[in-house]
Protein backbone atom coordinates (compact mmCIF):
# COMPACT_ATOMS: atom_id res chain seq x y z
CA MET A 1 -19.64 75.62 20.19
CA LYS A 2 -16.53 73.32 20.72
CA SER A 3 -13.29 73.90 23.56
CA MET A 4 -11.06 74.30 21.63
CA PHE A 5 -11.17 76.85 19.22
CA LEU A 6 -8.75 77.01 16.62
CA ILE A 7 -7.19 80.42 14.78
CA VAL A 8 -4.99 79.71 11.53
CA GLY A 9 -2.72 82.10 9.88
CA LEU A 10 -5.84 83.17 7.26
CA THR A 11 -7.54 84.45 10.13
CA ALA A 12 -5.40 87.38 10.07
CA LEU A 13 -6.86 88.67 7.01
CA VAL A 14 -10.40 88.97 8.96
CA SER A 15 -9.19 89.01 12.48
CA CYS A 16 -7.03 90.55 15.02
CA MET A 17 -6.07 89.54 18.62
CA SER A 18 -5.44 91.80 21.66
CA CYS A 19 -3.21 90.59 24.21
CA LYS A 20 -4.62 92.66 26.85
CA LYS A 21 -5.47 91.41 30.04
CA GLU A 22 -8.38 91.19 31.83
CA ASN A 23 -8.63 93.13 34.82
CA ASN A 24 -9.39 90.21 37.44
CA THR A 25 -10.47 92.61 39.59
CA SER A 26 -13.73 93.91 38.07
CA ASN A 27 -17.20 92.50 38.47
CA GLY A 28 -17.12 88.97 37.63
CA VAL A 29 -18.05 85.30 38.55
CA SER A 30 -14.90 83.30 40.10
CA THR A 31 -14.50 80.42 37.68
CA VAL A 32 -12.05 77.23 37.17
CA ILE A 33 -11.10 75.32 34.13
CA LYS A 34 -8.91 72.20 34.84
CA GLY A 35 -7.86 69.20 33.43
CA HIS A 36 -5.29 66.64 32.36
CA VAL A 37 -3.28 66.36 29.15
CA GLU A 38 -2.32 62.99 27.63
CA ASP A 39 -0.50 60.96 24.65
CA PRO A 40 -2.56 58.06 24.83
CA ILE A 41 -0.92 56.82 21.57
CA ARG A 42 2.35 56.51 23.80
CA GLY A 43 0.73 56.22 27.08
CA ILE A 44 2.12 59.25 28.31
CA ASN A 45 1.17 62.18 30.21
CA ILE A 46 2.39 65.31 28.41
CA SER A 47 4.06 67.86 30.85
CA GLY A 48 4.88 71.52 29.60
CA TYR A 49 1.94 71.82 27.35
CA LYS A 50 0.63 75.47 26.61
CA ILE A 51 -3.00 75.75 27.36
CA VAL A 52 -4.26 79.80 26.97
CA LEU A 53 -7.54 80.96 27.62
CA ILE A 54 -8.85 83.81 25.25
CA LYS A 55 -11.91 85.82 25.50
CA LYS A 56 -14.05 86.80 22.04
CA VAL A 57 -14.86 90.51 23.11
CA GLY A 58 -16.74 91.84 19.56
CA MET A 59 -15.83 93.01 16.17
CA ASP A 60 -13.37 95.09 14.89
CA CYS A 61 -13.25 96.67 11.42
CA ALA A 62 -11.03 98.60 9.13
CA GLY A 63 -11.95 99.87 5.96
CA TRP A 64 -14.01 97.09 4.26
CA LEU A 65 -12.00 94.43 6.50
CA CYS A 66 -14.15 93.22 9.64
CA GLY A 67 -13.09 90.26 12.02
CA THR A 68 -13.30 89.35 15.22
CA VAL A 69 -11.20 90.81 18.37
CA PHE A 70 -9.97 88.17 20.80
CA GLU A 71 -8.32 89.57 24.37
CA LYS A 72 -6.19 86.84 26.34
CA ILE A 73 -6.91 86.21 29.39
CA ALA A 74 -4.44 83.75 30.88
CA GLU A 75 -1.88 81.16 30.16
CA THR A 76 -0.51 78.01 32.33
CA TYR A 77 1.07 75.26 31.60
CA THR A 78 0.49 71.14 32.76
CA ASP A 79 2.53 69.93 35.43
CA ASN A 80 4.59 66.90 35.67
CA ASN A 81 1.49 64.98 35.97
CA GLY A 82 -0.22 66.44 32.69
CA ASP A 83 -2.36 68.90 34.64
CA TYR A 84 -3.65 72.33 34.51
CA LEU A 85 -5.48 74.62 36.29
CA ILE A 86 -6.68 78.52 35.27
CA LYS A 87 -8.35 80.79 37.52
CA PHE A 88 -10.33 83.75 36.19
CA ASN A 89 -13.40 85.88 36.42
CA TYR A 90 -15.59 85.17 34.46
CA LYS A 91 -17.55 88.46 32.90
CA VAL A 92 -19.24 88.25 29.46
CA GLU A 93 -21.83 90.62 27.89
CA ALA A 94 -24.23 89.72 24.52
CA GLY A 95 -22.49 87.79 21.79
CA GLN A 96 -18.89 87.30 23.79
CA ASP A 97 -17.37 83.99 25.04
CA TYR A 98 -14.22 82.07 26.26
CA TYR A 99 -12.41 79.65 24.50
CA LEU A 100 -9.12 77.59 24.71
CA GLU A 101 -6.86 78.37 21.54
CA GLU A 102 -4.61 75.82 19.95
CA GLN A 103 -1.37 76.76 20.44
CA TYR A 104 0.59 74.28 18.63
CA TYR A 105 -1.15 72.76 14.88
CA GLY A 106 1.47 69.88 14.81
CA THR A 107 5.09 71.57 16.18
CA PRO A 108 5.80 69.83 18.33
CA TYR A 109 2.24 68.74 19.15
CA TYR A 110 -0.94 67.63 17.42
CA HIS A 111 -3.98 68.69 19.42
CA GLU A 112 -6.31 65.55 18.61
CA SER A 113 -9.63 65.85 21.05
CA SER A 114 -10.97 67.68 24.02
CA SER A 115 -13.28 66.61 26.07
CA GLY A 116 -16.96 68.31 26.08
CA SER A 117 -18.50 70.09 24.00
CA GLY A 118 -20.39 72.83 25.53
CA PRO A 119 -19.19 76.35 26.12
CA ILE A 120 -16.93 77.07 29.49
CA VAL A 121 -19.93 78.06 32.07
CA GLY A 122 -19.22 80.77 34.13
CA GLY A 123 -19.04 80.83 38.48
CA ALA A 124 -17.97 76.38 37.80
CA THR A 125 -14.95 74.27 37.67
CA ASN A 126 -15.06 73.40 34.18
CA ILE A 127 -13.04 69.47 33.42
CA ILE A 128 -11.59 70.01 29.72
CA ASN A 129 -9.19 67.30 29.47
CA MET A 130 -7.27 66.80 25.81
CA THR A 131 -5.63 64.14 24.40
CA ALA A 132 -2.17 65.11 22.36
CA TRP A 133 0.54 63.46 20.35
CA LYS A 134 3.78 64.18 18.79
CA PRO A 135 3.64 63.51 15.08
CA VAL A 136 6.43 61.33 13.31
CA GLU A 137 8.32 62.54 10.43
CA LEU A 138 8.07 60.60 7.23
CA LYS A 139 11.37 61.35 5.20
CA LEU A 140 10.38 60.62 1.37
CA ASN A 141 13.40 60.28 -1.39
CA VAL A 142 11.25 60.09 -4.54
CA GLN A 143 11.94 59.96 -7.90
CA VAL A 144 9.61 61.30 -10.00
CA MET A 145 9.25 61.23 -13.61
CA ASN A 146 6.59 62.76 -16.19
CA ASN A 147 5.17 65.29 -13.76
CA ASN A 148 3.71 67.11 -16.92
CA ILE A 149 0.74 68.66 -14.88
CA PRO A 150 2.53 70.42 -12.22
CA PRO A 151 2.28 70.27 -9.46
CA LEU A 152 2.64 66.75 -8.03
CA ASN A 153 1.52 67.19 -4.44
CA ILE A 154 2.29 64.60 -1.85
CA ARG A 155 -0.05 64.68 1.55
CA ASN A 156 -0.96 61.52 3.96
CA GLU A 157 -4.55 61.07 5.55
CA LEU A 158 -5.73 58.06 8.18
CA ALA A 159 -6.82 55.45 6.41
CA ALA A 160 -9.77 54.54 8.17
CA THR A 161 -11.28 58.63 8.40
CA HIS A 162 -9.87 59.96 5.34
CA GLN A 163 -8.66 62.69 7.77
CA THR A 164 -5.94 64.84 6.22
CA LEU A 165 -2.73 65.00 8.40
CA LEU A 166 -0.17 68.16 8.60
CA ASN A 167 1.42 69.27 5.43
CA VAL A 168 1.56 69.36 1.96
CA GLU A 169 4.80 68.98 -0.20
CA SER A 170 4.16 70.22 -3.31
CA ILE A 171 6.63 69.18 -6.93
CA TYR A 172 6.79 71.21 -9.63
CA GLN A 173 9.65 70.02 -11.78
CA GLN A 174 8.98 67.67 -14.52
CA ASN A 175 11.57 64.98 -13.75
CA ILE A 176 13.53 64.81 -10.44
CA ASN A 177 15.59 63.07 -6.99
CA GLY A 178 13.82 64.51 -4.00
CA THR A 179 13.87 64.23 -0.66
CA TYR A 180 10.28 65.75 1.11
CA ILE A 181 9.70 65.64 4.40
CA LEU A 182 5.35 64.79 5.49
CA ARG A 183 4.57 64.40 9.73
CA SER A 184 2.06 61.95 10.42
CA ARG A 185 0.38 60.69 13.62
CA PRO A 186 2.06 57.67 15.27
CA ASN A 187 1.08 53.64 15.52
CA SER A 188 -1.37 54.55 12.43
CA ASP A 189 -2.84 53.11 9.26
CA ILE A 190 -2.06 55.98 6.96
CA SER A 191 -2.30 56.51 2.89
CA ILE A 192 0.65 58.33 1.16
CA ILE A 193 -0.87 59.70 -1.45
CA PHE A 194 1.05 61.46 -4.81
CA TYR A 195 -2.22 63.43 -6.63
CA TYR A 196 -2.05 66.23 -9.45
CA THR A 197 -5.26 67.94 -10.48
CA VAL A 198 -6.18 68.37 -14.77
CA ASN A 199 -8.05 71.60 -15.42
CA TYR A 200 -7.78 72.94 -11.96
CA ALA A 201 -9.62 76.63 -13.01
CA SER A 202 -12.32 74.54 -14.58
CA PRO A 203 -15.64 73.63 -13.49
CA ASN A 204 -15.08 70.30 -14.01
CA PRO A 205 -11.36 69.59 -12.24
CA VAL A 206 -10.20 66.18 -12.37
CA THR A 207 -7.42 64.83 -9.58
CA HIS A 208 -5.29 61.56 -10.35
CA GLN A 209 -3.76 60.47 -7.31
CA LYS A 210 -1.71 56.89 -6.59
CA ILE A 211 -2.80 55.94 -2.86
CA ILE A 212 0.31 53.77 -0.87
CA PRO A 213 -1.25 52.17 2.24
CA TYR A 214 1.82 52.57 5.41
CA ARG A 215 1.84 51.86 9.12
CA THR A 216 3.36 53.89 10.88
CA THR A 217 5.50 53.27 14.03
CA LEU A 218 6.80 54.87 17.48
CA ASP A 219 10.07 56.12 16.02
CA SER A 220 10.46 59.66 15.57
CA THR A 221 11.81 59.40 11.80
CA VAL A 222 11.44 57.12 9.13
CA THR A 223 13.04 56.58 5.72
CA LEU A 224 10.55 55.66 2.97
CA ASN A 225 12.42 55.48 -1.03
CA PHE A 226 9.19 55.78 -3.73
CA MET A 227 9.71 55.82 -7.88
CA ILE A 228 6.76 58.06 -8.96
CA ASP A 229 5.66 58.00 -12.30
CA CYS A 230 3.21 60.76 -13.11
CA SER A 231 2.10 58.96 -16.76
CA THR A 232 0.80 55.71 -15.16
CA PHE A 233 -1.79 57.44 -12.80
C-alpha cells in the first residue's frame, strides 16, 4: 500500500469525504509522521508544501452508489527547510487505515514519489520523504490541417518510461491556427505526441500519431511552433 493516496475528481461519484476532525483526546496510540519534501531537479527544498493526513473510516451508500468515506485528521505545511511533522493519535478498526492525501495534481507541484511503500504504523515515528517539482509550461503554436477524424489530441510523456504527464489538449476544427498549453517535467527528455483514433467505438480502434522528441529546460515557459498535417500520419 503506497503512502500517498491519490483521490481524483472521478471518485466523487463513488466516494465521499468527511471533513470531521478526529478527536485527539479519544483512546489511541501517539504516532508521528515526519519527513522532507524537495525538488531534486532544481536542487531545492520545497517550503509551504501542504501535507494532509486522512483516515479511511468505512463505506457509505446512497441508493445503489457506494463509496469509501474518509476523515481529515490533520494538516501541516513544510517549513523553510522543506521539513514537516504531524502528531496524532492512531486508532483504527477493521478495514480502516491512514493515508497522506495528494494535494496538487500538478498545480503548482507534481508529486513524483514518496519514500517507503508500507502502511503508516501506529505508535511509531513514520518517516515519509517526498520529491516534487513545478511543471514547466509548453506553449504550442500549432497550425493544424486535414483534421478529418477529430479530435486531434496533444499530450506529452517521458521518453524513457512513456509515463503520460499532466494535461491533454483536444482540437476539433478541421483546419486551424491555435495555441495550446501542455505542462511537463522540467529538464527532461519528453515526447510531444499528436494523435487521433480511427473507429474509436469499434472493437479494433486504430490510433495514428506523430511523435516529436523534445528536451525541456528549467525555464518556466517555452514557446514552440508546429505545423501538423493529419493526412500524413
